[in-house]
Amino acid sequence: MAIAAAAIALCFFSLAAFVFMSERYNAIVASVVLGGVYLVLALAALVWLRLVRSKEAASQAAAVGAAQLWQNPVVVSTGLEVLRALGPRKVAPLAAVALAGVVLAASRTNPKSRPSRSGSKTGS
């Protein structure tokens, strides 16, 4: 309902702008100016959409790359050999630090974990 009301309002504002400009200049100038404004708006929306899609594609490619790294048997076997060479007493603190890093990175990249910036505080 809100989208329909916004579309109708846009039509009336466009009509008012056309009438104003056609009285001041002429109908051809008014048409060209309004057409140019809508063309610029459409191009801006297209650029914005491409930027959003490219960011999504880059993040998906990074996630696929990381998942494929863990599925590589050479990487897994090398990791196991390093763990065996270090021993359990040296691996436990390193594993704790690595786990903390993973949790911190996951909390930074998860949009649901970001605090809201509304500025309202409860209890004040």
PDB file of N, CA and C in Angstrom:
ATOM      1  N   MET A   1       0.825  -1.183   0.000  1.00  0.00           N
ATOM      2  CA  MET A   1       0.000   0.000   0.000  1.00  0.00           C
ATOM      3  C   MET A   1       0.880   1.262   0.000  1.00  0.00           C
ATOM      4  N   ALA A   2       1.954   1.221   0.786  1.00  0.00           N
ATOM      5  CA  ALA A   2       2.849   2.379   0.854  1.00  0.00           C
ATOM      6  C   ALA A   2       3.559   2.585  -0.477  1.00  0.00           C
ATOM      7  N   ILE A   3       3.916   1.487  -1.150  1.00  0.00           N
ATOM      8  CA  ILE A   3       4.593   1.612  -2.449  1.00  0.00           C
ATOM      9  C   ILE A   3       3.654   2.219  -3.483  1.00  0.00           C
ATOM     10  N   ALA A   4       2.384   1.804  -3.452  1.00  0.00           N
ATOM     11  CA  ALA A   4       1.402   2.363  -4.382  1.00  0.00           C
ATOM     12  C   ALA A   4       1.201   3.853  -4.116  1.00  0.00           C
ATOM     13  N   ALA A   5       1.128   4.242  -2.846  1.00  0.00           N
ATOM     14  CA  ALA A   5       0.958   5.655  -2.508  1.00  0.00           C
ATOM     15  C   ALA A   5       2.179   6.468  -2.937  1.00  0.00           C
ATOM     16  N   ALA A   6       3.378   5.898  -2.774  1.00  0.00           N
ATOM     17  CA  ALA A   6       4.588   6.598  -3.194  1.00  0.00           C
ATOM     18  C   ALA A   6       4.626   6.752  -4.716  1.00  0.00           C
ATOM     19  N   ALA A   7       4.182   5.732  -5.442  1.00  0.00           N
ATOM     20  CA  ALA A   7       4.159   5.821  -6.905  1.00  0.00           C
ATOM     21  C   ALA A   7       3.173   6.878  -7.377  1.00  0.00           C
ATOM     22  N   ILE A   8       2.014   6.946  -6.736  1.00  0.00           N
ATOM     23  CA  ILE A   8       1.016   7.957  -7.105  1.00  0.00           C
ATOM     24  C   ILE A   8       1.539   9.352  -6.777  1.00  0.00           C
ATOM     25  N   ALA A   9       2.184   9.497  -5.614  1.00  0.00           N
ATOM     26  CA  ALA A   9       2.753  10.800  -5.242  1.00  0.00           C
ATOM     27  C   ALA A   9       3.831  11.218  -6.240  1.00  0.00           C
ATOM     28  N   LEU A  10       4.658  10.267  -6.676  1.00  0.00           N
ATOM     29  CA  LEU A  10       5.688  10.572  -7.661  1.00  0.00           C
ATOM     30  C   LEU A  10       5.064  11.044  -8.975  1.00  0.00           C
ATOM     31  N   CYS A  11       3.976  10.405  -9.375  1.00  0.00           N
ATOM     32  CA  CYS A  11       3.286  10.832 -10.601  1.00  0.00           C
ATOM     33  C   CYS A  11       2.783  12.263 -10.481  1.00  0.00           C
ATOM     34  N   PHE A  12       2.167  12.603  -9.331  1.00  0.00           N
ATOM     35  CA  PHE A  12       1.653  13.952  -9.156  1.00  0.00           C
ATOM     36  C   PHE A  12       2.776  14.986  -9.064  1.00  0.00           C
ATOM     37  N   PHE A  13       3.876  14.647  -8.387  1.00  0.00           N
ATOM     38  CA  PHE A  13       5.005  15.572  -8.338  1.00  0.00           C
ATOM     39  C   PHE A  13       5.606  15.765  -9.722  1.00  0.00           C
ATOM     40  N   SER A  14       5.672  14.698 -10.502  1.00  0.00           N
ATOM     41  CA  SER A  14       6.189  14.813 -11.869  1.00  0.00           C
ATOM     42  C   SER A  14       5.274  15.686 -12.723  1.00  0.00           C
ATOM     43  N   LEU A  15       3.985  15.501 -12.560  1.00  0.00           N
ATOM     44  CA  LEU A  15       3.020  16.313 -13.307  1.00  0.00           C
ATOM     45  C   LEU A  15       3.142  17.781 -12.920  1.00  0.00           C
ATOM     46  N   ALA A  16       3.269  18.058 -11.625  1.00  0.00           N
ATOM     47  CA  ALA A  16       3.415  19.445 -11.166  1.00  0.00           C
ATOM     48  C   ALA A  16       4.703  20.058 -11.706  1.00  0.00           C
ATOM     49  N   ALA A  17       5.792  19.299 -11.699  1.00  0.00           N
ATOM     50  CA  ALA A  17       7.049  19.815 -12.231  1.00  0.00           C
ATOM     51  C   ALA A  17       6.934  20.075 -13.728  1.00  0.00           C
ATOM     52  N   PHE A  18       6.240  19.181 -14.439  1.00  0.00           N
ATOM     53  CA  PHE A  18       6.067  19.363 -15.879  1.00  0.00           C
ATOM     54  C   PHE A  18       5.252  20.625 -16.167  1.00  0.00           C
ATOM     55  N   VAL A  19       4.149  20.811 -15.437  1.00  0.00           N
ATOM     56  CA  VAL A  19       3.309  21.992 -15.671  1.00  0.00           C
ATOM     57  C   VAL A  19       4.081  23.267 -15.347  1.00  0.00           C
ATOM     58  N   PHE A  20       4.826  23.263 -14.238  1.00  0.00           N
ATOM     59  CA  PHE A  20       5.614  24.440 -13.860  1.00  0.00           C
ATOM     60  C   PHE A  20       6.640  24.779 -14.936  1.00  0.00           C
ATOM     61  N   MET A  21       7.379  23.773 -15.390  1.00  0.00           N
ATOM     62  CA  MET A  21       8.415  24.036 -16.386  1.00  0.00           C
ATOM     63  C   MET A  21       7.827  24.366 -17.752  1.00  0.00           C
ATOM     64  N   SER A  22       6.684  23.764 -18.100  1.00  0.00           N
ATOM     65  CA  SER A  22       6.102  24.061 -19.417  1.00  0.00           C
ATOM     66  C   SER A  22       5.530  25.480 -19.456  1.00  0.00           C
ATOM     67  N   GLU A  23       5.068  26.010 -18.319  1.00  0.00           N
ATOM     68  CA  GLU A  23       4.600  27.395 -18.287  1.00  0.00           C
ATOM     69  C   GLU A  23       5.775  28.364 -18.330  1.00  0.00           C
ATOM     70  N   ARG A  24       6.868  28.004 -17.677  1.00  0.00           N
ATOM     71  CA  ARG A  24       8.018  28.885 -17.604  1.00  0.00           C
ATOM     72  C   ARG A  24       8.831  28.832 -18.895  1.00  0.00           C
ATOM     73  N   TYR A  25       9.058  27.663 -19.440  1.00  0.00           N
ATOM     74  CA  TYR A  25       9.852  27.511 -20.667  1.00  0.00           C
ATOM     75  C   TYR A  25       8.933  27.074 -21.797  1.00  0.00           C
ATOM     76  N   ASN A  26       8.890  25.773 -22.102  1.00  0.00           N
ATOM     77  CA  ASN A  26       7.907  25.221 -23.028  1.00  0.00           C
ATOM     78  C   ASN A  26       7.809  23.723 -22.772  1.00  0.00           C
ATOM     79  N   ALA A  27       6.890  23.059 -23.436  1.00  0.00           N
ATOM     80  CA  ALA A  27       6.620  21.645 -23.169  1.00  0.00           C
ATOM     81  C   ALA A  27       7.799  20.758 -23.570  1.00  0.00           C
ATOM     82  N   ILE A  28       8.504  21.107 -24.616  1.00  0.00           N
ATOM     83  CA  ILE A  28       9.620  20.284 -25.066  1.00  0.00           C
ATOM     84  C   ILE A  28      10.749  20.320 -24.040  1.00  0.00           C
ATOM     85  N   VAL A  29      11.073  21.496 -23.554  1.00  0.00           N
ATOM     86  CA  VAL A  29      12.136  21.621 -22.551  1.00  0.00           C
ATOM     87  C   VAL A  29      11.739  20.877 -21.282  1.00  0.00           C
ATOM     88  N   ALA A  30      10.496  21.010 -20.870  1.00  0.00           N
ATOM     89  CA  ALA A  30      10.015  20.325 -19.669  1.00  0.00           C
ATOM     90  C   ALA A  30      10.117  18.812 -19.836  1.00  0.00           C
ATOM     91  N   SER A  31       9.753  18.308 -20.997  1.00  0.00           N
ATOM     92  CA  SER A  31       9.827  16.870 -21.257  1.00  0.00           C
ATOM     93  C   SER A  31      11.257  16.368 -21.237  1.00  0.00           C
ATOM     94  N   VAL A  32      12.155  17.118 -21.866  1.00  0.00           N
ATOM     95  CA  VAL A  32      13.558  16.703 -21.915  1.00  0.00           C
ATOM     96  C   VAL A  32      14.173  16.727 -20.516  1.00  0.00           C
ATOM     97  N   VAL A  33      13.889  17.738 -19.751  1.00  0.00           N
ATOM     98  CA  VAL A  33      14.462  17.839 -18.406  1.00  0.00           C
ATOM     99  C   VAL A  33      13.947  16.708 -17.521  1.00  0.00           C
ATOM    100  N   LEU A  34      12.648  16.473 -17.520  1.00  0.00           N
ATOM    101  CA  LEU A  34      12.104  15.388 -16.693  1.00  0.00           C
ATOM    102  C   LEU A  34      12.596  14.023 -17.167  1.00  0.00           C
ATOM    103  N   GLY A  35      12.693  13.839 -18.474  1.00  0.00           N
ATOM    104  CA  GLY A  35      13.243  12.582 -18.986  1.00  0.00           C
ATOM    105  C   GLY A  35      14.688  12.388 -18.552  1.00  0.00           C
ATOM    106  N   GLY A  36      15.469  13.463 -18.581  1.00  0.00           N
ATOM    107  CA  GLY A  36      16.860  13.386 -18.127  1.00  0.00           C
ATOM    108  C   GLY A  36      16.961  13.064 -16.647  1.00  0.00           C
ATOM    109  N   VAL A  37      16.089  13.646 -15.853  1.00  0.00           N
ATOM    110  CA  VAL A  37      16.098  13.363 -14.407  1.00  0.00           C
ATOM    111  C   VAL A  37      15.797  11.890 -14.160  1.00  0.00           C
ATOM    112  N   TYR A  38      14.782  11.365 -14.823  1.00  0.00           N
ATOM    113  CA  TYR A  38      14.440   9.948 -14.630  1.00  0.00           C
ATOM    114  C   TYR A  38      15.524   9.030 -15.189  1.00  0.00           C
ATOM    115  N   LEU A  39      16.196   9.429 -16.253  1.00  0.00           N
ATOM    116  CA  LEU A  39      17.297   8.636 -16.791  1.00  0.00           C
ATOM    117  C   LEU A  39      18.464   8.584 -15.802  1.00  0.00           C
ATOM    118  N   VAL A  40      18.791   9.712 -15.198  1.00  0.00           N
ATOM    119  CA  VAL A  40      19.863   9.745 -14.202  1.00  0.00           C
ATOM    120  C   VAL A  40      19.490   8.877 -13.001  1.00  0.00           C
ATOM    121  N   LEU A  41      18.243   8.949 -12.556  1.00  0.00           N
ATOM    122  CA  LEU A  41      17.800   8.107 -11.440  1.00  0.00           C
ATOM    123  C   LEU A  41      17.899   6.624 -11.789  1.00  0.00           C
ATOM    124  N   ALA A  42      17.509   6.262 -12.987  1.00  0.00           N
ATOM    125  CA  ALA A  42      17.583   4.858 -13.399  1.00  0.00           C
ATOM    126  C   ALA A  42      19.026   4.381 -13.496  1.00  0.00           C
ATOM    127  N   LEU A  43      19.914   5.213 -14.012  1.00  0.00           N
ATOM    128  CA  LEU A  43      21.326   4.834 -14.103  1.00  0.00           C
ATOM    129  C   LEU A  43      21.955   4.706 -12.712  1.00  0.00           C
ATOM    130  N   ALA A  44      21.583   5.589 -11.801  1.00  0.00           N
ATOM    131  CA  ALA A  44      22.104   5.506 -10.435  1.00  0.00           C
ATOM    132  C   ALA A  44      21.628   4.217  -9.761  1.00  0.00           C
ATOM    133  N   ALA A  45      20.374   3.864  -9.976  1.00  0.00           N
ATOM    134  CA  ALA A  45      19.856   2.616  -9.412  1.00  0.00           C
ATOM    135  C   ALA A  45      20.561   1.406 -10.014  1.00  0.00           C
ATOM    136  N   LEU A  46      20.865   1.451 -11.300  1.00  0.00           N
ATOM    137  CA  LEU A  46      21.567   0.357 -11.961  1.00  0.00           C
ATOM    138  C   LEU A  46      22.981   0.197 -11.420  1.00  0.00           C
ATOM    139  N   VAL A  47      23.683   1.306 -11.234  1.00  0.00           N
ATOM    140  CA  VAL A  47      25.041   1.254 -10.679  1.00  0.00           C
ATOM    141  C   VAL A  47      25.010   0.704  -9.263  1.00  0.00           C
ATOM    142  N   TRP A  48      24.067   1.172  -8.467  1.00  0.00           N
ATOM    143  CA  TRP A  48      23.941   0.690  -7.088  1.00  0.00           C
ATOM    144  C   TRP A  48      23.659  -0.812  -7.059  1.00  0.00           C
ATOM    145  N   LEU A  49      22.770  -1.277  -7.929  1.00  0.00           N
ATOM    146  CA  LEU A  49      22.437  -2.696  -7.985  1.00  0.00           C
ATOM    147  C   LEU A  49      23.659  -3.526  -8.381  1.00  0.00           C
ATOM    148  N   ARG A  50      24.438  -3.059  -9.334  1.00  0.00           N
ATOM    149  CA  ARG A  50      25.652  -3.789  -9.728  1.00  0.00           C
ATOM    150  C   ARG A  50      26.675  -3.848  -8.601  1.00  0.00           C
ATOM    151  N   LEU A  51      26.819  -2.764  -7.852  1.00  0.00           N
ATOM    152  CA  LEU A  51      27.744  -2.762  -6.726  1.00  0.00           C
ATOM    153  C   LEU A  51      27.314  -3.767  -5.659  1.00  0.00           C
ATOM    154  N   VAL A  52      26.030  -3.802  -5.367  1.00  0.00           N
ATOM    155  CA  VAL A  52      25.522  -4.745  -4.365  1.00  0.00           C
ATOM    156  C   VAL A  52      25.734  -6.181  -4.832  1.00  0.00           C
ATOM    157  N   ARG A  53      25.432  -6.451  -6.083  1.00  0.00           N
ATOM    158  CA  ARG A  53      25.611  -7.817  -6.604  1.00  0.00           C
ATOM    159  C   ARG A  53      27.073  -8.224  -6.642  1.00  0.00           C
ATOM    160  N   SER A  54      27.968  -7.297  -6.967  1.00  0.00           N
ATOM    161  CA  SER A  54      29.386  -7.658  -7.010  1.00  0.00           C
ATOM    162  C   SER A  54      29.919  -7.928  -5.606  1.00  0.00           C
ATOM    163  N   LYS A  55      29.445  -7.186  -4.603  1.00  0.00           N
ATOM    164  CA  LYS A  55      29.857  -7.453  -3.220  1.00  0.00           C
ATOM    165  C   LYS A  55      29.363  -8.819  -2.767  1.00  0.00           C
ATOM    166  N   GLU A  56      28.123  -9.158  -3.118  1.00  0.00           N
ATOM    167  CA  GLU A  56      27.587 -10.470  -2.753  1.00  0.00           C
ATOM    168  C   GLU A  56      28.360 -11.583  -3.435  1.00  0.00           C
ATOM    169  N   ALA A  57      28.675 -11.404  -4.708  1.00  0.00           N
ATOM    170  CA  ALA A  57      29.420 -12.430  -5.436  1.00  0.00           C
ATOM    171  C   ALA A  57      30.822 -12.601  -4.860  1.00  0.00           C
ATOM    172  N   ALA A  58      31.463 -11.504  -4.468  1.00  0.00           N
ATOM    173  CA  ALA A  58      32.805 -11.594  -3.889  1.00  0.00           C
ATOM    174  C   ALA A  58      32.776 -12.311  -2.546  1.00  0.00           C
ATOM    175  N   SER A  59      31.770 -12.032  -1.726  1.00  0.00           N
ATOM    176  CA  SER A  59      31.695 -12.702  -0.424  1.00  0.00           C
ATOM    177  C   SER A  59      31.373 -14.182  -0.591  1.00  0.00           C
ATOM    178  N   GLN A  60      30.546 -14.535  -1.570  1.00  0.00           N
ATOM    179  CA  GLN A  60      30.248 -15.942  -1.818  1.00  0.00           C
ATOM    180  C   GLN A  60      31.481 -16.668  -2.351  1.00  0.00           C
ATOM    181  N   ALA A  61      32.236 -16.006  -3.212  1.00  0.00           N
ATOM    182  CA  ALA A  61      33.449 -16.630  -3.750  1.00  0.00           C
ATOM    183  C   ALA A  61      34.474 -16.852  -2.643  1.00  0.00           C
ATOM    184  N   ALA A  62      34.587 -15.915  -1.710  1.00  0.00           N
ATOM    185  CA  ALA A  62      35.523 -16.077  -0.597  1.00  0.00           C
ATOM    186  C   ALA A  62      35.098 -17.233   0.298  1.00  0.00           C
ATOM    187  N   ALA A  63      33.794 -17.368   0.533  1.00  0.00           N
ATOM    188  CA  ALA A  63      33.305 -18.461   1.375  1.00  0.00           C
ATOM    189  C   ALA A  63      33.535 -19.809   0.696  1.00  0.00           C
ATOM    190  N   VAL A  64      33.322 -19.874  -0.606  1.00  0.00           N
ATOM    191  CA  VAL A  64      33.546 -21.121  -1.341  1.00  0.00           C
ATOM    192  C   VAL A  64      35.030 -21.467  -1.338  1.00  0.00           C
ATOM    193  N   GLY A  65      35.884 -20.459  -1.498  1.00  0.00           N
ATOM    194  CA  GLY A  65      37.329 -20.690  -1.493  1.00  0.00           C
ATOM    195  C   GLY A  65      37.806 -21.232  -0.156  1.00  0.00           C
ATOM    196  N   ALA A  66      37.292 -20.683   0.933  1.00  0.00           N
ATOM    197  CA  ALA A  66      37.681 -21.166   2.255  1.00  0.00           C
ATOM    198  C   ALA A  66      37.171 -22.581   2.486  1.00  0.00           C
ATOM    199  N   ALA A  67      35.968 -22.878   2.034  1.00  0.00           N
ATOM    200  CA  ALA A  67      35.422 -24.224   2.205  1.00  0.00           C
ATOM    201  C   ALA A  67      36.214 -25.234   1.378  1.00  0.00           C
ATOM    202  N   GLN A  68      36.631 -24.851   0.184  1.00  0.00           N
ATOM    203  CA  GLN A  68      37.398 -25.767  -0.651  1.00  0.00           C
ATOM    204  C   GLN A  68      38.786 -26.001  -0.077  1.00  0.00           C
ATOM    205  N   LEU A  69      39.329 -25.013   0.627  1.00  0.00           N
ATOM    206  CA  LEU A  69      40.631 -25.185   1.246  1.00  0.00           C
ATOM    207  C   LEU A  69      40.587 -26.293   2.295  1.00  0.00           C
ATOM    208  N   TRP A  70      39.548 -26.329   3.097  1.00  0.00           N
ATOM    209  CA  TRP A  70      39.432 -27.362   4.134  1.00  0.00           C
ATOM    210  C   TRP A  70      39.108 -28.730   3.549  1.00  0.00           C
ATOM    211  N   GLN A  71      38.610 -28.789   2.319  1.00  0.00           N
ATOM    212  CA  GLN A  71      38.303 -30.066   1.682  1.00  0.00           C
ATOM    213  C   GLN A  71      39.504 -30.638   0.931  1.00  0.00           C
ATOM    214  N   ASN A  72      40.569 -29.878   0.831  1.00  0.00           N
ATOM    215  CA  ASN A  72      41.768 -30.333   0.145  1.00  0.00           C
ATOM    216  C   ASN A  72      42.521 -31.316   1.050  1.00  0.00           C
ATOM    217  N   PRO A  73      42.729 -32.571   0.612  1.00  0.00           N
ATOM    218  CA  PRO A  73      43.383 -33.555   1.470  1.00  0.00           C
ATOM    219  C   PRO A  73      44.827 -33.198   1.814  1.00  0.00           C
ATOM    220  N   VAL A  74      45.531 -32.487   0.941  1.00  0.00           N
ATOM    221  CA  VAL A  74      46.907 -32.099   1.221  1.00  0.00           C
ATOM    222  C   VAL A  74      46.952 -31.125   2.397  1.00  0.00           C
ATOM    223  N   VAL A  75      46.030 -30.173   2.424  1.00  0.00           N
ATOM    224  CA  VAL A  75      45.987 -29.194   3.510  1.00  0.00           C
ATOM    225  C   VAL A  75      45.649 -29.881   4.825  1.00  0.00           C
ATOM    226  N   VAL A  76      44.679 -30.774   4.812  1.00  0.00           N
ATOM    227  CA  VAL A  76      44.276 -31.467   6.031  1.00  0.00           C
ATOM    228  C   VAL A  76      45.407 -32.357   6.549  1.00  0.00           C
ATOM    229  N   SER A  77      46.046 -33.102   5.662  1.00  0.00           N
ATOM    230  CA  SER A  77      47.129 -33.985   6.115  1.00  0.00           C
ATOM    231  C   SER A  77      48.322 -33.187   6.621  1.00  0.00           C
ATOM    232  N   THR A  78      48.624 -32.057   5.989  1.00  0.00           N
ATOM    233  CA  THR A  78      49.714 -31.204   6.464  1.00  0.00           C
ATOM    234  C   THR A  78      49.386 -30.639   7.839  1.00  0.00           C
ATOM    235  N   GLY A  79      48.166 -30.226   8.036  1.00  0.00           N
ATOM    236  CA  GLY A  79      47.748 -29.725   9.340  1.00  0.00           C
ATOM    237  C   GLY A  79      47.860 -30.785  10.419  1.00  0.00           C
ATOM    238  N   LEU A  80      47.469 -32.018  10.099  1.00  0.00           N
ATOM    239  CA  LEU A  80      47.579 -33.108  11.077  1.00  0.00           C
ATOM    240  C   LEU A  80      49.036 -33.411  11.402  1.00  0.00           C
ATOM    241  N   GLU A  81      49.900 -33.364  10.406  1.00  0.00           N
ATOM    242  CA  GLU A  81      51.316 -33.607  10.660  1.00  0.00           C
ATOM    243  C   GLU A  81      51.920 -32.516  11.553  1.00  0.00           C
ATOM    244  N   VAL A  82      51.542 -31.284  11.340  1.00  0.00           N
ATOM    245  CA  VAL A  82      52.028 -30.186  12.177  1.00  0.00           C
ATOM    246  C   VAL A  82      51.539 -30.371  13.607  1.00  0.00           C
ATOM    247  N   LEU A  83      50.280 -30.767  13.768  1.00  0.00           N
ATOM    248  CA  LEU A  83      49.746 -31.000  15.113  1.00  0.00           C
ATOM    249  C   LEU A  83      50.478 -32.144  15.815  1.00  0.00           C
ATOM    250  N   ARG A  84      50.773 -33.188  15.086  1.00  0.00           N
ATOM    251  CA  ARG A  84      51.508 -34.310  15.680  1.00  0.00           C
ATOM    252  C   ARG A  84      52.926 -33.893  16.072  1.00  0.00           C
ATOM    253  N   ALA A  85      53.556 -33.072  15.238  1.00  0.00           N
ATOM    254  CA  ALA A  85      54.924 -32.640  15.520  1.00  0.00           C
ATOM    255  C   ALA A  85      54.981 -31.714  16.740  1.00  0.00           C
ATOM    256  N   LEU A  86      53.991 -30.866  16.911  1.00  0.00           N
ATOM    257  CA  LEU A  86      53.985 -29.945  18.048  1.00  0.00           C
ATOM    258  C   LEU A  86      53.643 -30.638  19.360  1.00  0.00           C
ATOM    259  N   GLY A  87      52.769 -31.597  19.326  1.00  0.00           N
ATOM    260  CA  GLY A  87      52.361 -32.282  20.545  1.00  0.00           C
ATOM    261  C   GLY A  87      51.159 -31.605  21.186  1.00  0.00           C
ATOM    262  N   PRO A  88      50.449 -32.345  22.048  1.00  0.00           N
ATOM    263  CA  PRO A  88      49.202 -31.828  22.617  1.00  0.00           C
ATOM    264  C   PRO A  88      49.403 -30.657  23.583  1.00  0.00           C
ATOM    265  N   ARG A  89      50.522 -30.569  24.273  1.00  0.00           N
ATOM    266  CA  ARG A  89      50.723 -29.485  25.237  1.00  0.00           C
ATOM    267  C   ARG A  89      50.944 -28.138  24.551  1.00  0.00           C
ATOM    268  N   LYS A  90      51.526 -28.140  23.379  1.00  0.00           N
ATOM    269  CA  LYS A  90      51.739 -26.890  22.648  1.00  0.00           C
ATOM    270  C   LYS A  90      50.547 -26.536  21.772  1.00  0.00           C
ATOM    271  N   VAL A  91      49.760 -27.533  21.417  1.00  0.00           N
ATOM    272  CA  VAL A  91      48.633 -27.309  20.513  1.00  0.00           C
ATOM    273  C   VAL A  91      47.439 -26.709  21.247  1.00  0.00           C
ATOM    274  N   ALA A  92      47.219 -27.070  22.508  1.00  0.00           N
ATOM    275  CA  ALA A  92      46.036 -26.612  23.236  1.00  0.00           C
ATOM    276  C   ALA A  92      45.964 -25.084  23.319  1.00  0.00           C
ATOM    277  N   PRO A  93      47.021 -24.373  23.716  1.00  0.00           N
ATOM    278  CA  PRO A  93      46.921 -22.910  23.740  1.00  0.00           C
ATOM    279  C   PRO A  93      46.745 -22.303  22.349  1.00  0.00           C
ATOM    280  N   LEU A  94      47.409 -22.887  21.350  1.00  0.00           N
ATOM    281  CA  LEU A  94      47.246 -22.385  19.982  1.00  0.00           C
ATOM    282  C   LEU A  94      45.823 -22.598  19.484  1.00  0.00           C
ATOM    283  N   ALA A  95      45.240 -23.730  19.838  1.00  0.00           N
ATOM    284  CA  ALA A  95      43.861 -24.011  19.434  1.00  0.00           C
ATOM    285  C   ALA A  95      42.898 -23.033  20.103  1.00  0.00           C
ATOM    286  N   ALA A  96      43.159 -22.695  21.371  1.00  0.00           N
ATOM    287  CA  ALA A  96      42.295 -21.745  22.068  1.00  0.00           C
ATOM    288  C   ALA A  96      42.374 -20.362  21.415  1.00  0.00           C
ATOM    289  N   VAL A  97      43.572 -19.935  21.057  1.00  0.00           N
ATOM    290  CA  VAL A  97      43.736 -18.632  20.399  1.00  0.00           C
ATOM    291  C   VAL A  97      43.078 -18.654  19.022  1.00  0.00           C
ATOM    292  N   ALA A  98      43.248 -19.729  18.282  1.00  0.00           N
ATOM    293  CA  ALA A  98      42.637 -19.839  16.952  1.00  0.00           C
ATOM    294  C   ALA A  98      41.115 -19.835  17.050  1.00  0.00           C
ATOM    295  N   LEU A  99      40.576 -20.549  18.029  1.00  0.00           N
ATOM    296  CA  LEU A  99      39.128 -20.584  18.220  1.00  0.00           C
ATOM    297  C   LEU A  99      38.602 -19.203  18.586  1.00  0.00           C
ATOM    298  N   ALA A 100      39.317 -18.485  19.438  1.00  0.00           N
ATOM    299  CA  ALA A 100      38.900 -17.129  19.794  1.00  0.00           C
ATOM    300  C   ALA A 100      38.929 -16.214  18.573  1.00  0.00           C
ATOM    301  N   GLY A 101      39.937 -16.387  17.726  1.00  0.00           N
ATOM    302  CA  GLY A 101      40.008 -15.588  16.499  1.00  0.00           C
ATOM    303  C   GLY A 101      38.860 -15.875  15.553  1.00  0.00           C
ATOM    304  N   VAL A 102      38.506 -17.149  15.425  1.00  0.00           N
ATOM    305  CA  VAL A 102      37.385 -17.521  14.554  1.00  0.00           C
ATOM    306  C   VAL A 102      36.079 -16.944  15.087  1.00  0.00           C
ATOM    307  N   VAL A 103      35.878 -17.034  16.391  1.00  0.00           N
ATOM    308  CA  VAL A 103      34.646 -16.499  16.983  1.00  0.00           C
ATOM    309  C   VAL A 103      34.594 -14.982  16.820  1.00  0.00           C
ATOM    310  N   LEU A 104      35.712 -14.307  17.018  1.00  0.00           N
ATOM    311  CA  LEU A 104      35.749 -12.861  16.852  1.00  0.00           C
ATOM    312  C   LEU A 104      35.476 -12.468  15.401  1.00  0.00           C
ATOM    313  N   ALA A 105      36.082 -13.170  14.465  1.00  0.00           N
ATOM    314  CA  ALA A 105      35.858 -12.867  13.048  1.00  0.00           C
ATOM    315  C   ALA A 105      34.411 -13.132  12.655  1.00  0.00           C
ATOM    316  N   ALA A 106      33.845 -14.216  13.175  1.00  0.00           N
ATOM    317  CA  ALA A 106      32.451 -14.526  12.848  1.00  0.00           C
ATOM    318  C   ALA A 106      31.512 -13.487  13.433  1.00  0.00           C
ATOM    319  N   SER A 107      31.818 -12.980  14.612  1.00  0.00           N
ATOM    320  CA  SER A 107      30.945 -11.971  15.208  1.00  0.00           C
ATOM    321  C   SER A 107      31.068 -10.640  14.485  1.00  0.00           C
ATOM    322  N   ARG A 108      32.220 -10.356  13.902  1.00  0.00           N
ATOM    323  CA  ARG A 108      32.397  -9.105  13.157  1.00  0.00           C
ATOM    324  C   ARG A 108      31.724  -9.143  11.792  1.00  0.00           C
ATOM    325  N   THR A 109      31.673 -10.315  11.170  1.00  0.00           N
ATOM    326  CA  THR A 109      31.108 -10.402   9.829  1.00  0.00           C
ATOM    327  C   THR A 109      29.625 -10.707   9.837  1.00  0.00           C
ATOM    328  N   ASN A 110      29.069 -11.136  10.939  1.00  0.00           N
ATOM    329  CA  ASN A 110      27.647 -11.463  11.017  1.00  0.00           C
ATOM    330  C   ASN A 110      26.856 -10.176  11.221  1.00  0.00           C
ATOM    331  N   PRO A 111      25.979  -9.784  10.257  1.00  0.00           N
ATOM    332  CA  PRO A 111      25.251  -8.526  10.406  1.00  0.00           C
ATOM    333  C   PRO A 111      24.249  -8.554  11.558  1.00  0.00           C
ATOM    334  N   LYS A 112      23.824  -9.717  11.995  1.00  0.00           N
ATOM    335  CA  LYS A 112      22.861  -9.797  13.088  1.00  0.00           C
ATOM    336  C   LYS A 112      23.508  -9.485  14.430  1.00  0.00           C
ATOM    337  N   SER A 113      24.834  -9.611  14.517  1.00  0.00           N
ATOM    338  CA  SER A 113      25.504  -9.405  15.789  1.00  0.00           C
ATOM    339  C   SER A 113      25.908  -7.957  16.013  1.00  0.00           C
ATOM    340  N   ARG A 114      25.740  -7.105  15.025  1.00  0.00           N
ATOM    341  CA  ARG A 114      26.118  -5.708  15.195  1.00  0.00           C
ATOM    342  C   ARG A 114      25.088  -4.995  16.050  1.00  0.00           C
ATOM    343  N   PRO A 115      25.547  -4.141  16.955  1.00  0.00           N
ATOM    344  CA  PRO A 115      24.595  -3.409  17.792  1.00  0.00           C
ATOM    345  C   PRO A 115      23.839  -2.380  16.965  1.00  0.00           C
ATOM    346  N   SER A 116      22.628  -2.100  17.400  1.00  0.00           N
ATOM    347  CA  SER A 116      21.823  -1.123  16.668  1.00  0.00           C
ATOM    348  C   SER A 116      22.344   0.266  16.966  1.00  0.00           C
ATOM    349  N   ARG A 117      22.247   1.153  15.991  1.00  0.00           N
ATOM    350  CA  ARG A 117      22.741   2.521  16.146  1.00  0.00           C
ATOM    351  C   ARG A 117      21.578   3.485  16.247  1.00  0.00           C
ATOM    352  N   SER A 118      20.491   3.071  16.855  1.00  0.00           N
ATOM    353  CA  SER A 118      19.322   3.925  16.930  1.00  0.00           C
ATOM    354  C   SER A 118      19.510   5.069  17.898  1.00  0.00           C
ATOM    355  N   GLY A 119      20.404   4.906  18.870  1.00  0.00           N
ATOM    356  CA  GLY A 119      20.657   5.978  19.809  1.00  0.00           C
ATOM    357  C   GLY A 119      19.771   5.934  21.029  1.00  0.00           C
ATOM    358  N   SER A 120      18.799   5.033  21.057  1.00  0.00           N
ATOM    359  CA  SER A 120      17.928   4.957  22.218  1.00  0.00           C
ATOM    360  C   SER A 120      18.529   4.001  23.231  1.00  0.00           C
ATOM    361  N   LYS A 121      18.510   4.428  24.481  1.00  0.00           N
ATOM    362  CA  LYS A 121      19.036   3.612  25.564  1.00  0.00           C
ATOM    363  C   LYS A 121      17.898   3.271  26.505  1.00  0.00           C
ATOM    364  N   THR A 122      17.876   2.049  26.948  1.00  0.00           N
ATOM    365  CA  THR A 122      16.844   1.637  27.884  1.00  0.00           C
ATOM    366  C   THR A 122      17.283   1.978  29.285  1.00  0.00           C
ATOM    367  N   GLY A 123      16.349   2.337  30.118  1.00  0.00           N
ATOM    368  CA  GLY A 123      16.633   2.628  31.495  1.00  0.00           C
ATOM    369  C   GLY A 123      17.094   4.050  31.740  1.00  0.00           C
ATOM    370  N   SER A 124      17.078   4.926  30.745  1.00  0.00           N
ATOM    371  CA  SER A 124      17.531   6.303  30.958  1.00  0.00           C
ATOM    372  C   SER A 124      16.361   7.206  31.209  1.00  0.00           C
TER     373      SER A 124
END
